[in-house]
Amino acid sequence: MEFGLEEGYNWSDISDLKNGKSLSEFNPGFYFDIWLKNQWYLYTGVLVKGRMDASD
């Protein structure tokens, strides 16, 4: 079994909205790789995401 940390960055933008602005956030996470046979493994992981909404 293998354990690790991963990260991501999200940048989202909705076009054609008055006074709209883009959102950007850092997403931390972790994973577990479970080795089954020779070159096969099962990947499980969680990536924590923040708010993804539009205001006003």
Protein backbone atom coordinates (compact mmCIF):
# COMPACT_ATOMS: atom_id res chain seq x y z
CA MET A 1 0.00 0.00 0.00
CA GLU A 2 1.19 3.50 -0.78
CA PHE A 3 0.00 6.79 0.75
CA GLY A 4 0.51 10.29 -0.55
CA LEU A 5 -0.67 13.86 -0.61
CA GLU A 6 -1.88 15.69 -3.68
CA GLU A 7 -2.98 19.19 -4.46
CA GLY A 8 -4.84 21.03 -7.14
CA TYR A 9 -5.73 24.54 -8.15
CA ASN A 10 -9.12 25.50 -9.52
CA TRP A 11 -9.92 28.62 -11.51
CA SER A 12 -13.52 29.12 -12.64
CA ASP A 13 -15.21 31.91 -14.53
CA ILE A 14 -18.81 32.37 -15.68
CA SER A 15 -19.09 34.55 -18.75
CA ASP A 16 -21.89 36.95 -19.69
CA LEU A 17 -22.68 37.99 -16.11
CA LYS A 18 -22.75 41.62 -15.05
CA ASN A 19 -20.16 42.33 -12.38
CA GLY A 20 -19.11 38.68 -12.48
CA LYS A 21 -15.65 37.76 -11.35
CA SER A 22 -13.68 34.56 -11.38
CA LEU A 23 -13.03 32.32 -8.38
CA SER A 24 -9.74 30.58 -7.69
CA GLU A 25 -8.95 28.16 -4.89
CA PHE A 26 -6.31 25.69 -3.75
CA ASN A 27 -7.56 22.11 -3.22
CA PRO A 28 -5.62 19.79 -0.85
CA GLY A 29 -6.13 16.03 -0.82
CA PHE A 30 -4.67 12.59 -0.17
CA TYR A 31 -4.65 9.16 -1.79
CA PHE A 32 -4.06 5.47 -1.12
CA ASP A 33 -2.71 3.09 -3.76
CA ILE A 34 -3.44 -0.54 -2.97
CA TRP A 35 -1.31 -2.94 -5.01
CA LEU A 36 -3.26 -6.00 -6.21
CA LYS A 37 -0.95 -7.93 -8.59
CA ASN A 38 2.24 -7.15 -10.53
CA GLN A 39 1.23 -3.98 -12.42
CA TRP A 40 -2.34 -3.60 -11.13
CA TYR A 41 -3.37 -1.34 -8.28
CA LEU A 42 -6.50 0.27 -6.90
CA TYR A 43 -6.37 4.05 -6.60
CA THR A 44 -8.53 5.70 -3.93
CA GLY A 45 -8.34 9.35 -3.05
CA VAL A 46 -10.04 12.44 -1.73
CA LEU A 47 -9.65 15.96 -3.09
CA VAL A 48 -11.19 18.61 -0.83
CA LYS A 49 -12.99 21.32 -2.77
CA GLY A 50 -14.13 24.69 -1.52
CA ARG A 51 -17.06 26.88 -2.50
CA MET A 52 -17.96 26.97 -6.16
CA ASP A 53 -20.78 29.49 -6.39
CA ALA A 54 -21.69 32.80 -7.89
CA SER A 55 -22.78 35.74 -5.79
CA ASP A 56 -24.98 38.71 -6.68
